[in-house]
Amino acid sequence: MPKAFRTLVVVLAACLLSVTTAIVPGPAHAAPSLPDDFLWGVAASGFQTEGTSPDSNWRRYAKQAAAPGSPFRDGIGTSVDFRHRYRQDIGLARSMGMKVYRVSIEWARLEPRPGRDDAREWAYYEDMVQAIVDAGMRPMLTLDHWVYPGWIADRGGWADARTPEAWLRHQRRVVDRFARHHPLWITVNEPTAYLMKEVQHGGLPPQLAPVMLDRLVGVHRTIYDHIHRRDPGAMVSSNAAYIPTVQPALDQTFLDRVRDKLDFVGFDYYYSVSPTELGAAQILADRSWEAPVSADGLYYAYRDYAQRFPGKPLYVIETGMPTRDGAPRPDGYRRADHLRDLVYWTQRARADGIDVMGLNYWSLTDNYEWGSYTPRFGLYTVNVLTDPSLRRIPTAAVAAYRRIAADNGVGPHYRPSRPATRCSLVAAPSSCTRPVR
């Protein structure tokens, strides 16, 4: 990542020199509705929502990261207790008119010891996936959302040469079990972010970063073929964490190496950068709610991937906006407005001929955000640390998303609540020199 940020600085300097002559976006245009087959969804991961977590690399990391005075000795505790409340949450997604519900199938639950299954946890996932199907939604199943069993951690995690085969042995069984539901598949969640978190928390020596990436590429390619043997019409991808300006360089480490094993390009879009909005560094300081989230940047991410992966449909696997413990953001941006703005720019991308097939909001409920319950991304607020009942409290974005799903967009008369960025650096330099009209 340091190299990536150096690249960002260079591009930023170039754009600062050209910003005075860059074309300034004109008034916003109407955005036609999206087609009836557009996939509206919500997303979550098992470890972040399930609670009562078994031993894993991330249960160990969470314990290390637990704040003094935390009510949870293991750092995560109940989370939002999706493990026992999944039917309730699936019902909430159904009530909004969602078509896709993204979850992860947690290896640490299913194989707590080498070669030893937990039959109760297999039954849980069977029932949970069936509940999604019965609710009229399509499951999107993530095979690896950064979590592996404690016994894999004891052997060295992705630094150990045995991990890829153990991973494949287990994930083939997951695919065999759930392929009949014809889910959308995500093999590895945000591979480069996965790598960085492993290094950050001591799960991987920094010098072995290229080894882990090679192994993630290898397991993706192999499990892709296995999924297609079980379900020839399957749609399989990974999801890149879109980092403004430097994403093409980051994609050389994973996405470019598996482009022949992608049925669509999945990516996650959260934060933006411009010459006057440099707050993205707040993410590194664990103050994500202060990072800029200009929605028009999503358009440039679409355009970037459409140009670099021609012929591949695009799917936003995650997008959303953090607040600090549910309080108003310092920039005043509200969740419902941000959601509508993201959808507007998605409609504009489709109108401009970019093949966008779906969008998932992260997340249905607040959850454990990899070290803290402070960042809130939920359509539904859940006060994990202060409310033992874990009540799901709807934000204004719930009604907004319900209307969006019913209308397949924000309507032809909608205009973004915020103007487009004057010189966006999301896909610089073109996002600055060729702004969307």
Protein backbone atom coordinates (compact mmCIF):
# COMPACT_ATOMS: atom_id res chain seq x y z
CA MET A 1 0.00 0.00 0.00
CA PRO A 2 2.79 2.56 0.61
CA LYS A 3 3.71 2.29 -3.08
CA ALA A 4 0.07 2.75 -3.99
CA PHE A 5 -0.17 5.91 -1.94
CA ARG A 6 3.02 7.24 -3.52
CA THR A 7 1.34 6.76 -6.88
CA LEU A 8 -1.70 8.63 -5.59
CA VAL A 9 0.47 11.58 -4.55
CA VAL A 10 2.07 11.78 -8.01
CA VAL A 11 -1.28 11.74 -9.76
CA LEU A 12 -2.70 14.25 -7.30
CA ALA A 13 0.12 16.66 -8.07
CA ALA A 14 -0.52 16.32 -11.80
CA CYS A 15 -4.22 16.95 -11.37
CA LEU A 16 -3.61 19.95 -9.16
CA LEU A 17 -1.63 21.47 -12.01
CA SER A 18 -4.46 20.82 -14.47
CA VAL A 19 -7.49 21.49 -12.30
CA THR A 20 -7.76 25.11 -13.39
CA THR A 21 -8.24 24.01 -17.00
CA ALA A 22 -10.25 20.86 -16.34
CA ILE A 23 -13.79 20.75 -17.66
CA VAL A 24 -16.27 21.49 -14.91
CA PRO A 25 -19.35 19.24 -14.86
CA GLY A 26 -22.51 20.91 -16.07
CA PRO A 27 -26.00 20.52 -14.60
CA ALA A 28 -27.02 16.99 -13.73
CA HIS A 29 -29.02 15.05 -16.30
CA ALA A 30 -32.01 12.80 -15.84
CA ALA A 31 -31.20 9.13 -15.24
CA PRO A 32 -33.50 6.49 -16.78
CA SER A 33 -34.72 3.72 -14.49
CA LEU A 34 -32.75 0.51 -14.30
CA PRO A 35 -34.08 -2.67 -15.95
CA ASP A 36 -36.39 -5.06 -14.14
CA ASP A 37 -33.65 -7.67 -13.85
CA PHE A 38 -31.29 -5.31 -12.00
CA LEU A 39 -30.14 -6.95 -8.75
CA TRP A 40 -30.76 -4.89 -5.62
CA GLY A 41 -29.11 -6.43 -2.59
CA VAL A 42 -27.74 -6.16 0.90
CA ALA A 43 -24.46 -7.58 2.16
CA ALA A 44 -22.89 -8.86 5.35
CA SER A 45 -20.24 -11.32 6.48
CA GLY A 46 -20.54 -14.17 8.93
CA PHE A 47 -17.82 -13.19 11.37
CA GLN A 48 -18.97 -9.58 11.53
CA THR A 49 -22.61 -10.39 12.29
CA GLU A 50 -23.03 -13.91 13.67
CA GLY A 51 -21.52 -13.57 17.15
CA THR A 52 -20.61 -16.55 19.37
CA SER A 53 -17.59 -16.97 17.12
CA PRO A 54 -15.48 -20.14 17.14
CA ASP A 55 -11.70 -20.01 17.26
CA SER A 56 -10.27 -18.33 14.18
CA ASN A 57 -7.60 -15.87 13.11
CA TRP A 58 -10.09 -13.04 13.50
CA ARG A 59 -11.42 -14.07 16.88
CA ARG A 60 -7.81 -13.84 18.03
CA TYR A 61 -7.30 -10.48 16.33
CA ALA A 62 -10.56 -9.17 17.82
CA LYS A 63 -9.46 -10.11 21.31
CA GLN A 64 -6.20 -8.22 20.78
CA ALA A 65 -8.10 -5.18 19.49
CA ALA A 66 -10.73 -5.11 22.24
CA ALA A 67 -10.98 -1.70 23.88
CA PRO A 68 -10.40 -1.47 27.64
CA GLY A 69 -13.68 -1.99 29.43
CA SER A 70 -15.27 -3.84 26.52
CA PRO A 71 -18.18 -6.04 27.65
CA PHE A 72 -16.84 -8.82 25.42
CA ARG A 73 -13.75 -10.68 26.58
CA ASP A 74 -13.16 -11.96 23.04
CA GLY A 75 -13.66 -8.49 21.52
CA ILE A 76 -16.70 -9.43 19.42
CA GLY A 77 -19.16 -11.22 21.70
CA THR A 78 -22.67 -11.48 20.32
CA SER A 79 -22.21 -9.00 17.49
CA VAL A 80 -25.77 -8.57 16.14
CA ASP A 81 -26.45 -12.30 16.73
CA PHE A 82 -27.23 -13.11 13.11
CA ARG A 83 -26.42 -16.71 13.99
CA HIS A 84 -29.75 -16.95 15.86
CA ARG A 85 -31.69 -14.10 14.22
CA TYR A 86 -31.05 -14.76 10.55
CA ARG A 87 -34.71 -15.35 9.76
CA GLN A 88 -35.56 -11.94 11.19
CA ASP A 89 -32.86 -10.19 9.15
CA ILE A 90 -33.72 -12.07 5.97
CA GLY A 91 -37.30 -10.93 6.52
CA LEU A 92 -36.15 -7.31 6.81
CA ALA A 93 -34.32 -7.58 3.48
CA ARG A 94 -37.35 -9.17 1.87
CA SER A 95 -39.58 -6.37 3.14
CA MET A 96 -37.39 -3.86 1.31
CA GLY A 97 -37.81 -5.73 -1.97
CA MET A 98 -34.25 -7.01 -2.15
CA LYS A 99 -33.34 -9.58 -4.78
CA VAL A 100 -29.92 -10.60 -3.42
CA TYR A 101 -28.70 -11.34 0.10
CA ARG A 102 -24.94 -11.67 0.47
CA VAL A 103 -23.53 -13.78 3.31
CA SER A 104 -20.32 -15.70 3.96
CA ILE A 105 -20.00 -19.39 4.77
CA GLU A 106 -17.51 -19.50 7.62
CA TRP A 107 -14.86 -22.22 7.41
CA ALA A 108 -14.03 -21.80 11.12
CA ARG A 109 -17.59 -22.79 12.05
CA LEU A 110 -17.82 -25.78 9.76
CA GLU A 111 -14.39 -27.34 10.43
CA PRO A 112 -13.32 -26.29 13.94
CA ARG A 113 -10.63 -29.01 13.95
CA PRO A 114 -8.80 -30.59 11.00
CA GLY A 115 -11.10 -33.04 9.27
CA ARG A 116 -13.81 -32.73 11.96
CA ASP A 117 -17.14 -31.27 10.88
CA ASP A 118 -19.60 -29.49 13.13
CA ALA A 119 -22.90 -30.97 11.94
CA ARG A 120 -24.94 -28.33 13.76
CA GLU A 121 -23.18 -25.52 11.93
CA TRP A 122 -23.62 -27.20 8.54
CA ALA A 123 -27.32 -27.44 9.37
CA TYR A 124 -27.37 -23.75 10.29
CA TYR A 125 -25.96 -22.71 6.93
CA GLU A 126 -28.29 -25.10 5.11
CA ASP A 127 -31.27 -23.55 6.85
CA MET A 128 -30.05 -19.99 6.44
CA VAL A 129 -29.41 -20.29 2.70
CA GLN A 130 -32.75 -22.03 2.25
CA ALA A 131 -34.42 -19.17 4.13
CA ILE A 132 -32.93 -16.68 1.66
CA VAL A 133 -34.25 -18.73 -1.25
CA ASP A 134 -37.67 -19.16 0.38
CA ALA A 135 -37.86 -15.38 0.83
CA GLY A 136 -37.57 -14.99 -2.94
CA MET A 137 -33.99 -13.75 -2.95
CA ARG A 138 -30.86 -15.11 -4.57
CA PRO A 139 -28.00 -15.94 -2.20
CA MET A 140 -24.62 -14.42 -2.87
CA LEU A 141 -22.19 -16.70 -1.06
CA THR A 142 -18.71 -15.57 -0.09
CA LEU A 143 -16.32 -18.46 0.46
CA ASP A 144 -13.58 -16.51 2.24
CA HIS A 145 -14.34 -13.22 4.01
CA TRP A 146 -10.89 -12.96 5.68
CA VAL A 147 -11.53 -15.65 8.32
CA TYR A 148 -9.94 -19.09 8.65
CA PRO A 149 -9.94 -21.64 11.51
CA GLY A 150 -7.65 -21.34 14.49
CA TRP A 151 -5.89 -24.55 13.54
CA ILE A 152 -4.95 -22.99 10.19
CA ALA A 153 -3.63 -19.96 12.09
CA ASP A 154 -1.56 -22.27 14.28
CA ARG A 155 0.08 -23.69 11.16
CA GLY A 156 0.94 -20.22 9.83
CA GLY A 157 -2.15 -19.14 7.90
CA TRP A 158 -1.48 -18.27 4.28
CA ALA A 159 2.27 -18.48 4.90
CA ASP A 160 1.91 -22.25 5.26
CA ALA A 161 2.20 -24.25 2.03
CA ARG A 162 -0.60 -26.60 3.16
CA THR A 163 -3.24 -23.87 3.42
CA PRO A 164 -4.29 -23.69 -0.26
CA GLU A 165 -5.10 -27.41 -0.42
CA ALA A 166 -6.90 -27.35 2.94
CA TRP A 167 -8.88 -24.32 1.71
CA LEU A 168 -9.78 -26.03 -1.56
CA ARG A 169 -10.74 -29.29 0.11
CA HIS A 170 -13.16 -27.46 2.36
CA GLN A 171 -14.54 -25.05 -0.22
CA ARG A 172 -15.24 -27.82 -2.73
CA ARG A 173 -17.56 -29.31 -0.11
CA VAL A 174 -19.27 -25.94 0.38
CA VAL A 175 -19.79 -25.61 -3.36
CA ASP A 176 -21.08 -29.18 -3.63
CA ARG A 177 -23.58 -28.50 -0.83
CA PHE A 178 -24.98 -25.19 -2.06
CA ALA A 179 -24.61 -25.19 -5.86
CA ARG A 180 -28.17 -26.49 -6.23
CA HIS A 181 -29.42 -23.04 -5.14
CA HIS A 182 -27.63 -21.38 -8.07
CA PRO A 183 -26.13 -18.62 -5.92
CA LEU A 184 -23.89 -15.84 -7.05
CA TRP A 185 -20.37 -16.67 -5.82
CA ILE A 186 -17.60 -14.51 -4.37
CA THR A 187 -14.46 -16.56 -3.89
CA VAL A 188 -12.19 -14.23 -1.87
CA ASN A 189 -13.33 -10.96 -0.35
CA GLU A 190 -11.11 -7.97 -1.15
CA PRO A 191 -7.86 -9.91 -1.67
CA THR A 192 -5.47 -6.97 -1.27
CA ALA A 193 -7.25 -5.72 1.86
CA TYR A 194 -7.23 -9.31 3.19
CA LEU A 195 -3.48 -9.38 2.73
CA MET A 196 -2.98 -6.01 4.44
CA LYS A 197 -5.08 -7.02 7.44
CA GLU A 198 -3.12 -10.25 7.83
CA VAL A 199 0.16 -8.33 7.85
CA GLN A 200 -1.26 -5.66 10.17
CA HIS A 201 -2.39 -8.21 12.77
CA GLY A 202 0.67 -10.44 12.57
CA GLY A 203 -0.93 -13.31 10.66
CA LEU A 204 1.56 -12.98 7.80
CA PRO A 205 5.19 -11.81 7.68
CA PRO A 206 5.37 -8.79 5.32
CA GLN A 207 7.98 -10.44 3.12
CA LEU A 208 5.51 -13.24 2.32
CA ALA A 209 2.86 -10.89 0.93
CA PRO A 210 3.58 -11.98 -2.68
CA VAL A 211 3.28 -15.62 -1.60
CA MET A 212 -0.17 -15.07 -0.11
CA LEU A 213 -1.34 -13.26 -3.24
CA ASP A 214 -0.06 -16.08 -5.44
CA ARG A 215 -1.94 -18.59 -3.30
CA LEU A 216 -5.16 -16.56 -3.38
CA VAL A 217 -4.92 -16.35 -7.16
CA GLY A 218 -4.38 -20.10 -7.31
CA VAL A 219 -7.34 -21.05 -5.12
CA HIS A 220 -9.63 -18.66 -6.97
CA ARG A 221 -8.72 -20.16 -10.32
CA THR A 222 -9.19 -23.71 -9.06
CA ILE A 223 -12.47 -23.20 -7.21
CA TYR A 224 -13.86 -21.23 -10.18
CA ASP A 225 -13.52 -24.33 -12.33
CA HIS A 226 -15.06 -26.54 -9.64
CA ILE A 227 -18.06 -24.22 -9.28
CA HIS A 228 -18.65 -24.37 -13.02
CA ARG A 229 -18.46 -28.13 -13.02
CA ARG A 230 -21.23 -28.19 -10.40
CA ASP A 231 -23.23 -25.35 -11.94
CA PRO A 232 -22.29 -24.63 -15.57
CA GLY A 233 -24.34 -21.40 -15.58
CA ALA A 234 -22.80 -20.04 -12.38
CA MET A 235 -21.76 -16.42 -11.97
CA VAL A 236 -18.46 -16.22 -10.08
CA SER A 237 -16.19 -13.33 -9.13
CA SER A 238 -14.04 -11.81 -6.42
CA ASN A 239 -14.54 -8.26 -5.16
CA ALA A 240 -11.83 -5.65 -5.27
CA ALA A 241 -11.76 -2.87 -2.67
CA TYR A 242 -11.68 0.13 -5.00
CA ILE A 243 -8.90 2.52 -3.92
CA PRO A 244 -9.11 5.87 -5.76
CA THR A 245 -6.49 6.45 -8.46
CA VAL A 246 -4.31 3.46 -7.68
CA GLN A 247 -6.79 0.65 -8.33
CA PRO A 248 -5.38 -0.29 -11.76
CA ALA A 249 -2.00 -0.92 -10.10
CA LEU A 250 -3.58 -2.92 -7.27
CA ASP A 251 -5.55 -5.01 -9.74
CA GLN A 252 -2.31 -6.24 -11.26
CA THR A 253 -1.78 -8.28 -8.09
CA PHE A 254 -5.04 -10.23 -8.30
CA LEU A 255 -7.92 -9.24 -10.57
CA ASP A 256 -5.86 -8.99 -13.75
CA ARG A 257 -4.41 -12.43 -13.02
CA VAL A 258 -7.84 -14.07 -12.85
CA ARG A 259 -9.68 -12.10 -15.51
CA ASP A 260 -10.28 -15.27 -17.54
CA LYS A 261 -11.91 -16.78 -14.43
CA LEU A 262 -14.41 -13.98 -13.78
CA ASP A 263 -18.01 -14.07 -14.95
CA PHE A 264 -18.47 -10.50 -13.78
CA VAL A 265 -16.28 -7.85 -12.16
CA GLY A 266 -17.18 -7.33 -8.52
CA PHE A 267 -15.90 -4.35 -6.58
CA ASP A 268 -16.53 -2.37 -3.40
CA TYR A 269 -16.80 1.41 -3.51
CA TYR A 270 -16.78 3.62 -0.42
CA TYR A 271 -14.41 6.59 -0.40
CA SER A 272 -13.37 9.37 -2.76
CA VAL A 273 -10.45 11.75 -3.24
CA SER A 274 -10.11 15.18 -4.87
CA PRO A 275 -7.64 18.06 -4.62
CA THR A 276 -9.90 19.63 -1.99
CA GLU A 277 -10.95 16.40 -0.25
CA LEU A 278 -7.91 14.59 1.11
CA GLY A 279 -9.58 13.06 4.13
CA ALA A 280 -9.25 9.49 2.88
CA ALA A 281 -6.24 9.22 5.20
CA GLN A 282 -8.77 9.10 8.04
CA ILE A 283 -9.39 5.46 7.09
CA LEU A 284 -5.85 4.60 8.12
CA ALA A 285 -6.44 6.44 11.39
CA ASP A 286 -9.59 4.35 12.06
CA ARG A 287 -11.81 7.42 11.63
CA SER A 288 -13.63 6.29 8.50
CA TRP A 289 -16.66 8.49 9.26
CA GLU A 290 -14.49 11.52 8.48
CA ALA A 291 -13.38 10.24 5.05
CA PRO A 292 -15.07 11.83 2.00
CA VAL A 293 -17.74 9.73 0.29
CA SER A 294 -18.64 11.64 -2.87
CA ALA A 295 -21.20 9.46 -4.65
CA ASP A 296 -20.26 10.55 -8.17
CA GLY A 297 -16.98 8.71 -7.72
CA LEU A 298 -18.92 5.48 -8.20
CA TYR A 299 -19.57 6.51 -11.80
CA TYR A 300 -15.83 6.80 -12.44
CA ALA A 301 -15.17 3.41 -10.88
CA TYR A 302 -17.79 1.95 -13.24
CA ARG A 303 -16.20 3.67 -16.22
CA ASP A 304 -12.73 2.55 -15.21
CA TYR A 305 -13.68 -1.12 -14.93
CA ALA A 306 -15.78 -1.04 -18.10
CA GLN A 307 -12.71 0.17 -19.99
CA ARG A 308 -10.24 -2.24 -18.38
CA PHE A 309 -12.51 -5.31 -18.44
CA PRO A 310 -14.52 -4.91 -21.64
CA GLY A 311 -17.38 -7.35 -22.06
CA LYS A 312 -17.62 -8.14 -18.33
CA PRO A 313 -20.75 -7.03 -16.45
CA LEU A 314 -20.09 -5.05 -13.27
CA TYR A 315 -21.57 -5.60 -9.81
CA VAL A 316 -21.07 -3.37 -6.76
CA ILE A 317 -20.63 -6.04 -4.09
CA GLU A 318 -20.43 -3.44 -1.31
CA THR A 319 -21.12 0.26 -1.02
CA GLY A 320 -22.22 2.40 1.87
CA MET A 321 -21.30 5.17 4.28
CA PRO A 322 -19.98 5.05 7.85
CA THR A 323 -21.11 7.18 10.75
CA ARG A 324 -19.62 7.36 14.24
CA ASP A 325 -21.93 5.44 16.58
CA GLY A 326 -24.86 6.55 14.43
CA ALA A 327 -24.24 10.27 15.00
CA PRO A 328 -24.51 12.73 12.09
CA ARG A 329 -21.42 12.80 9.91
CA PRO A 330 -19.14 15.87 10.11
CA ASP A 331 -19.87 16.58 6.43
CA GLY A 332 -23.64 16.45 7.01
CA TYR A 333 -24.21 13.70 4.47
CA ARG A 334 -27.20 11.54 5.42
CA ARG A 335 -27.43 7.83 4.69
CA ALA A 336 -30.67 8.01 2.69
CA ASP A 337 -29.39 10.87 0.52
CA HIS A 338 -26.07 9.13 -0.06
CA LEU A 339 -27.87 5.93 -1.08
CA ARG A 340 -30.10 7.78 -3.55
CA ASP A 341 -27.10 9.59 -4.97
CA LEU A 342 -25.22 6.31 -5.49
CA VAL A 343 -28.22 4.89 -7.31
CA TYR A 344 -28.51 8.03 -9.47
CA TRP A 345 -24.92 7.62 -10.64
CA THR A 346 -25.52 3.92 -11.24
CA GLN A 347 -28.44 4.82 -13.49
CA ARG A 348 -26.27 7.35 -15.30
CA ALA A 349 -23.64 4.67 -15.89
CA ARG A 350 -26.24 2.31 -17.37
CA ALA A 351 -27.60 5.13 -19.53
CA ASP A 352 -24.07 5.66 -20.85
CA GLY A 353 -23.84 2.02 -21.92
CA ILE A 354 -21.97 0.56 -18.96
CA ASP A 355 -23.23 -2.94 -18.11
CA VAL A 356 -23.98 -2.74 -14.38
CA MET A 357 -25.93 -5.80 -13.21
CA GLY A 358 -26.40 -5.18 -9.49
CA LEU A 359 -25.62 -3.26 -6.32
CA ASN A 360 -25.46 -4.42 -2.68
CA TYR A 361 -25.66 -2.02 0.22
CA TRP A 362 -23.25 -2.61 3.07
CA SER A 363 -24.84 -3.41 5.32
CA LEU A 364 -28.32 -4.49 6.38
CA THR A 365 -27.47 -3.93 10.06
CA ASP A 366 -24.61 -2.37 11.96
CA ASN A 367 -21.94 -4.95 12.72
CA TYR A 368 -18.40 -5.55 13.95
CA GLU A 369 -16.11 -3.51 11.72
CA TRP A 370 -12.82 -5.42 12.05
CA GLY A 371 -11.76 -4.10 15.43
CA SER A 372 -14.58 -1.85 16.57
CA TYR A 373 -18.33 -1.34 16.86
CA THR A 374 -17.91 2.43 16.43
CA PRO A 375 -18.23 2.71 12.61
CA ARG A 376 -21.90 2.24 11.70
CA PHE A 377 -22.87 1.21 8.17
CA GLY A 378 -26.29 -0.29 8.84
CA LEU A 379 -29.59 0.43 7.17
CA TYR A 380 -30.79 -0.76 10.55
CA THR A 381 -29.07 0.52 13.68
CA VAL A 382 -28.11 -2.09 16.28
CA ASN A 383 -26.53 -0.85 19.51
CA VAL A 384 -24.47 -3.94 20.27
CA LEU A 385 -22.61 -2.50 23.26
CA THR A 386 -25.57 -0.90 25.05
CA ASP A 387 -28.73 -2.78 24.06
CA PRO A 388 -28.89 -6.43 25.19
CA SER A 389 -32.05 -6.91 23.10
CA LEU A 390 -30.10 -6.06 19.92
CA ARG A 391 -33.18 -4.33 18.51
CA ARG A 392 -33.09 -3.50 14.80
CA ILE A 393 -33.93 0.21 14.48
CA PRO A 394 -34.63 1.40 10.91
CA THR A 395 -32.81 4.45 9.62
CA ALA A 396 -34.42 6.70 7.01
CA ALA A 397 -32.42 4.78 4.39
CA VAL A 398 -34.69 1.73 4.82
CA ALA A 399 -37.68 3.53 3.33
CA ALA A 400 -35.43 5.08 0.69
CA TYR A 401 -34.10 1.68 -0.41
CA ARG A 402 -37.58 0.17 -0.42
CA ARG A 403 -38.73 2.90 -2.81
CA ILE A 404 -35.61 2.53 -4.97
CA ALA A 405 -36.14 -1.23 -5.33
CA ALA A 406 -39.83 -0.78 -6.15
CA ASP A 407 -39.11 1.87 -8.79
CA ASN A 408 -35.82 0.39 -10.07
CA GLY A 409 -34.11 3.68 -9.39
CA VAL A 410 -34.59 7.18 -8.09
CA GLY A 411 -36.88 8.40 -10.86
CA PRO A 412 -36.28 10.72 -13.83
CA HIS A 413 -36.72 13.91 -11.83
CA TYR A 414 -34.18 13.10 -9.12
CA ARG A 415 -31.06 15.20 -8.90
CA PRO A 416 -28.14 14.34 -6.59
CA SER A 417 -28.27 15.92 -3.17
CA ARG A 418 -24.68 17.02 -3.68
CA PRO A 419 -22.98 18.38 -6.79
CA ALA A 420 -20.45 16.27 -8.63
CA THR A 421 -16.85 16.68 -7.48
CA ARG A 422 -15.06 19.39 -9.42
CA CYS A 423 -11.95 17.28 -9.97
CA SER A 424 -12.52 13.73 -8.82
CA LEU A 425 -9.41 11.61 -8.48
CA VAL A 426 -11.27 8.32 -8.15
CA ALA A 427 -10.01 7.17 -11.55
CA ALA A 428 -7.46 9.91 -12.18
CA PRO A 429 -6.52 11.55 -14.35
CA SER A 430 -9.54 10.85 -16.58
CA SER A 431 -12.08 11.40 -13.80
CA CYS A 432 -10.71 14.95 -13.47
CA THR A 433 -10.09 15.78 -17.12
CA ARG A 434 -13.19 13.96 -18.49
CA PRO A 435 -15.89 14.54 -15.87
CA VAL A 436 -19.32 13.05 -16.32
CA ARG A 437 -21.88 15.47 -17.72
